[in-house]
């Protein structure tokens, strides 16, 4: 099932790039990110309330809080820089650079999470990197 969720994530990430490019055309990219983040906040808390999952917040441990806060900060910074890049760059060139996050994630998961890396993963990372570089060449 996770593969379907991952494909849906990729699809909506693509829509995000297109919608964001149009959305940042006439306003400051930081304001655009704040508006977008507010919508995400409303949707996710709406789901939590609708599905009666709010009581679980009391069970969240300190370590989990720390890493969710760090993840939120990293996400916020990623979005701020992504929207700034979209405001002045072509989506078709910004998105492939952004997808280098896949390669960086593979490297970081190997270093910090001790996840296995095999030749197929390395080849995929190299191909993503090469594709991003090719997309940068005018």
C-alpha atoms as a PDB file:
ATOM      1  CA  UNK A   1       0.000   0.000   0.000  1.00  0.00           C
ATOM      2  CA  UNK A   2       2.908   2.368   0.697  1.00  0.00           C
ATOM      3  CA  UNK A   3       3.739   2.432  -3.022  1.00  0.00           C
ATOM      4  CA  UNK A   4       0.317   3.886  -3.831  1.00  0.00           C
ATOM      5  CA  UNK A   5       0.760   6.539  -1.163  1.00  0.00           C
ATOM      6  CA  UNK A   6       4.207   7.350  -2.571  1.00  0.00           C
ATOM      7  CA  UNK A   7       2.795   7.700  -6.097  1.00  0.00           C
ATOM      8  CA  UNK A   8       0.007   9.936  -4.813  1.00  0.00           C
ATOM      9  CA  UNK A   9       2.621  11.983  -2.972  1.00  0.00           C
ATOM     10  CA  UNK A  10       4.608  12.397  -6.195  1.00  0.00           C
ATOM     11  CA  UNK A  11       1.474  13.383  -8.115  1.00  0.00           C
ATOM     12  CA  UNK A  12       0.452  15.999  -5.560  1.00  0.00           C
ATOM     13  CA  UNK A  13       4.041  17.255  -5.309  1.00  0.00           C
ATOM     14  CA  UNK A  14       3.916  17.845  -9.065  1.00  0.00           C
ATOM     15  CA  UNK A  15       0.650  19.746  -8.695  1.00  0.00           C
ATOM     16  CA  UNK A  16       2.233  21.692  -5.837  1.00  0.00           C
ATOM     17  CA  UNK A  17       4.991  22.919  -8.139  1.00  0.00           C
ATOM     18  CA  UNK A  18       2.570  23.997 -10.851  1.00  0.00           C
ATOM     19  CA  UNK A  19       0.086  25.653  -8.495  1.00  0.00           C
ATOM     20  CA  UNK A  20       2.874  27.313  -6.491  1.00  0.00           C
ATOM     21  CA  UNK A  21       4.499  28.781  -9.593  1.00  0.00           C
ATOM     22  CA  UNK A  22       1.212  30.402 -10.519  1.00  0.00           C
ATOM     23  CA  UNK A  23       0.517  31.386  -6.898  1.00  0.00           C
ATOM     24  CA  UNK A  24       3.829  33.179  -6.277  1.00  0.00           C
ATOM     25  CA  UNK A  25       3.638  35.203  -9.460  1.00  0.00           C
ATOM     26  CA  UNK A  26       2.260  38.369  -7.900  1.00  0.00           C
ATOM     27  CA  UNK A  27       3.126  38.103  -4.184  1.00  0.00           C
ATOM     28  CA  UNK A  28       6.124  37.643  -1.916  1.00  0.00           C
ATOM     29  CA  UNK A  29       7.174  33.988  -1.804  1.00  0.00           C
ATOM     30  CA  UNK A  30       7.365  33.998   2.014  1.00  0.00           C
ATOM     31  CA  UNK A  31       3.756  35.192   2.232  1.00  0.00           C
ATOM     32  CA  UNK A  32       2.770  32.518  -0.291  1.00  0.00           C
ATOM     33  CA  UNK A  33       4.468  29.876   1.853  1.00  0.00           C
ATOM     34  CA  UNK A  34       2.668  31.142   4.966  1.00  0.00           C
ATOM     35  CA  UNK A  35      -0.702  30.942   3.210  1.00  0.00           C
ATOM     36  CA  UNK A  36       0.068  27.447   1.934  1.00  0.00           C
ATOM     37  CA  UNK A  37       1.197  26.327   5.381  1.00  0.00           C
ATOM     38  CA  UNK A  38      -2.007  27.620   6.951  1.00  0.00           C
ATOM     39  CA  UNK A  39      -4.061  25.552   4.504  1.00  0.00           C
ATOM     40  CA  UNK A  40      -1.991  22.456   5.320  1.00  0.00           C
ATOM     41  CA  UNK A  41      -2.458  23.142   9.035  1.00  0.00           C
ATOM     42  CA  UNK A  42      -6.227  23.409   8.664  1.00  0.00           C
ATOM     43  CA  UNK A  43      -6.483  20.249   6.553  1.00  0.00           C
ATOM     44  CA  UNK A  44      -4.301  18.079   8.794  1.00  0.00           C
ATOM     45  CA  UNK A  45      -5.896  19.225  12.063  1.00  0.00           C
ATOM     46  CA  UNK A  46      -9.296  18.764  10.429  1.00  0.00           C
ATOM     47  CA  UNK A  47      -8.418  15.139   9.688  1.00  0.00           C
ATOM     48  CA  UNK A  48      -7.142  14.594  13.239  1.00  0.00           C
ATOM     49  CA  UNK A  49     -10.342  16.061  14.740  1.00  0.00           C
ATOM     50  CA  UNK A  50     -12.661  14.275  12.278  1.00  0.00           C
ATOM     51  CA  UNK A  51     -11.007  10.907  12.980  1.00  0.00           C
ATOM     52  CA  UNK A  52     -10.894  11.549  16.760  1.00  0.00           C
ATOM     53  CA  UNK A  53      -7.105  11.148  16.937  1.00  0.00           C
ATOM     54  CA  UNK A  54      -6.412  14.193  19.112  1.00  0.00           C
ATOM     55  CA  UNK A  55      -6.246  12.234  22.372  1.00  0.00           C
ATOM     56  CA  UNK A  56      -3.063  10.574  21.120  1.00  0.00           C
ATOM     57  CA  UNK A  57      -1.152  13.818  21.559  1.00  0.00           C
ATOM     58  CA  UNK A  58      -0.739  13.041  25.272  1.00  0.00           C
ATOM     59  CA  UNK A  59       1.133   9.858  24.397  1.00  0.00           C
ATOM     60  CA  UNK A  60       3.783  11.563  22.271  1.00  0.00           C
ATOM     61  CA  UNK A  61       7.183  11.208  23.935  1.00  0.00           C
ATOM     62  CA  UNK A  62       9.846  13.893  24.316  1.00  0.00           C
ATOM     63  CA  UNK A  63      12.135  12.320  21.697  1.00  0.00           C
ATOM     64  CA  UNK A  64       9.262  12.131  19.224  1.00  0.00           C
ATOM     65  CA  UNK A  65       8.400  15.786  19.889  1.00  0.00           C
ATOM     66  CA  UNK A  66      12.016  16.790  19.307  1.00  0.00           C
ATOM     67  CA  UNK A  67      12.282  15.029  15.959  1.00  0.00           C
ATOM     68  CA  UNK A  68       8.849  16.158  14.775  1.00  0.00           C
ATOM     69  CA  UNK A  69       9.791  19.743  15.630  1.00  0.00           C
ATOM     70  CA  UNK A  70      13.086  19.363  13.756  1.00  0.00           C
ATOM     71  CA  UNK A  71      11.241  17.794  10.819  1.00  0.00           C
ATOM     72  CA  UNK A  72       8.736  20.658  10.809  1.00  0.00           C
ATOM     73  CA  UNK A  73      11.537  23.223  10.849  1.00  0.00           C
ATOM     74  CA  UNK A  74      13.298  21.448   7.973  1.00  0.00           C
ATOM     75  CA  UNK A  75      10.038  21.261   6.021  1.00  0.00           C
ATOM     76  CA  UNK A  76       9.342  24.947   6.577  1.00  0.00           C
ATOM     77  CA  UNK A  77      12.806  25.944   5.421  1.00  0.00           C
ATOM     78  CA  UNK A  78      12.524  23.633   2.415  1.00  0.00           C
ATOM     79  CA  UNK A  79       9.221  25.229   1.406  1.00  0.00           C
ATOM     80  CA  UNK A  80      10.509  28.760   1.878  1.00  0.00           C
ATOM     81  CA  UNK A  81      13.507  28.117  -0.360  1.00  0.00           C
ATOM     82  CA  UNK A  82      11.417  26.126  -2.850  1.00  0.00           C
ATOM     83  CA  UNK A  83       8.915  28.960  -3.252  1.00  0.00           C
ATOM     84  CA  UNK A  84      11.741  31.493  -3.631  1.00  0.00           C
ATOM     85  CA  UNK A  85      13.270  29.314  -6.358  1.00  0.00           C
ATOM     86  CA  UNK A  86       9.892  28.913  -8.087  1.00  0.00           C
ATOM     87  CA  UNK A  87       9.262  32.631  -8.023  1.00  0.00           C
ATOM     88  CA  UNK A  88      12.278  33.363 -10.203  1.00  0.00           C
ATOM     89  CA  UNK A  89      13.040  30.039 -11.896  1.00  0.00           C
ATOM     90  CA  UNK A  90      11.264  27.755 -14.333  1.00  0.00           C
ATOM     91  CA  UNK A  91       9.338  24.924 -12.680  1.00  0.00           C
ATOM     92  CA  UNK A  92      10.885  22.493 -15.149  1.00  0.00           C
ATOM     93  CA  UNK A  93      14.323  23.445 -13.836  1.00  0.00           C
ATOM     94  CA  UNK A  94      13.531  24.011 -10.147  1.00  0.00           C
ATOM     95  CA  UNK A  95      11.709  20.691  -9.643  1.00  0.00           C
ATOM     96  CA  UNK A  96      14.591  18.449 -10.800  1.00  0.00           C
ATOM     97  CA  UNK A  97      16.998  20.247  -8.475  1.00  0.00           C
ATOM     98  CA  UNK A  98      14.498  19.858  -5.653  1.00  0.00           C
ATOM     99  CA  UNK A  99      14.351  16.134  -6.400  1.00  0.00           C
ATOM    100  CA  UNK A 100      18.034  15.894  -5.534  1.00  0.00           C
ATOM    101  CA  UNK A 101      16.542  15.615  -2.052  1.00  0.00           C
ATOM    102  CA  UNK A 102      16.044  11.936  -2.945  1.00  0.00           C
ATOM    103  CA  UNK A 103      19.797  11.492  -3.378  1.00  0.00           C
ATOM    104  CA  UNK A 104      20.561  13.466  -0.230  1.00  0.00           C
ATOM    105  CA  UNK A 105      17.977  11.413   1.680  1.00  0.00           C
ATOM    106  CA  UNK A 106      19.585   8.160   0.518  1.00  0.00           C
ATOM    107  CA  UNK A 107      22.991   9.376   1.716  1.00  0.00           C
ATOM    108  CA  UNK A 108      21.657  10.623   5.065  1.00  0.00           C
ATOM    109  CA  UNK A 109      19.603   7.461   5.663  1.00  0.00           C
ATOM    110  CA  UNK A 110      22.748   5.405   5.089  1.00  0.00           C
ATOM    111  CA  UNK A 111      24.840   7.569   7.431  1.00  0.00           C
ATOM    112  CA  UNK A 112      22.375   8.165  10.264  1.00  0.00           C
ATOM    113  CA  UNK A 113      19.780   5.392  10.026  1.00  0.00           C
ATOM    114  CA  UNK A 114      22.194   2.685   8.858  1.00  0.00           C
ATOM    115  CA  UNK A 115      19.824   1.728   6.052  1.00  0.00           C
ATOM    116  CA  UNK A 116      21.384  -0.641   3.526  1.00  0.00           C
ATOM    117  CA  UNK A 117      22.556   0.680   0.181  1.00  0.00           C
ATOM    118  CA  UNK A 118      22.957  -1.731  -2.709  1.00  0.00           C
ATOM    119  CA  UNK A 119      24.167  -1.230  -6.290  1.00  0.00           C
ATOM    120  CA  UNK A 120      20.610  -0.657  -7.528  1.00  0.00           C
ATOM    121  CA  UNK A 121      20.082   2.184  -5.013  1.00  0.00           C
ATOM    122  CA  UNK A 122      23.447   3.713  -5.914  1.00  0.00           C
ATOM    123  CA  UNK A 123      22.656   3.492  -9.639  1.00  0.00           C
ATOM    124  CA  UNK A 124      19.262   5.118  -9.068  1.00  0.00           C
ATOM    125  CA  UNK A 125      20.859   7.947  -7.085  1.00  0.00           C
ATOM    126  CA  UNK A 126      23.474   8.478  -9.791  1.00  0.00           C
ATOM    127  CA  UNK A 127      20.780   8.553 -12.491  1.00  0.00           C
ATOM    128  CA  UNK A 128      18.699  11.075 -10.521  1.00  0.00           C
ATOM    129  CA  UNK A 129      21.792  13.234 -10.088  1.00  0.00           C
ATOM    130  CA  UNK A 130      22.662  12.997 -13.796  1.00  0.00           C
ATOM    131  CA  UNK A 131      19.067  13.800 -14.745  1.00  0.00           C
ATOM    132  CA  UNK A 132      19.073  16.873 -12.523  1.00  0.00           C
ATOM    133  CA  UNK A 133      22.351  18.056 -14.018  1.00  0.00           C
ATOM    134  CA  UNK A 134      21.063  17.524 -17.555  1.00  0.00           C
ATOM    135  CA  UNK A 135      17.916  19.533 -16.741  1.00  0.00           C
ATOM    136  CA  UNK A 136      20.119  22.426 -15.565  1.00  0.00           C
ATOM    137  CA  UNK A 137      22.018  22.695 -18.830  1.00  0.00           C
ATOM    138  CA  UNK A 138      20.425  25.257 -21.134  1.00  0.00           C
END
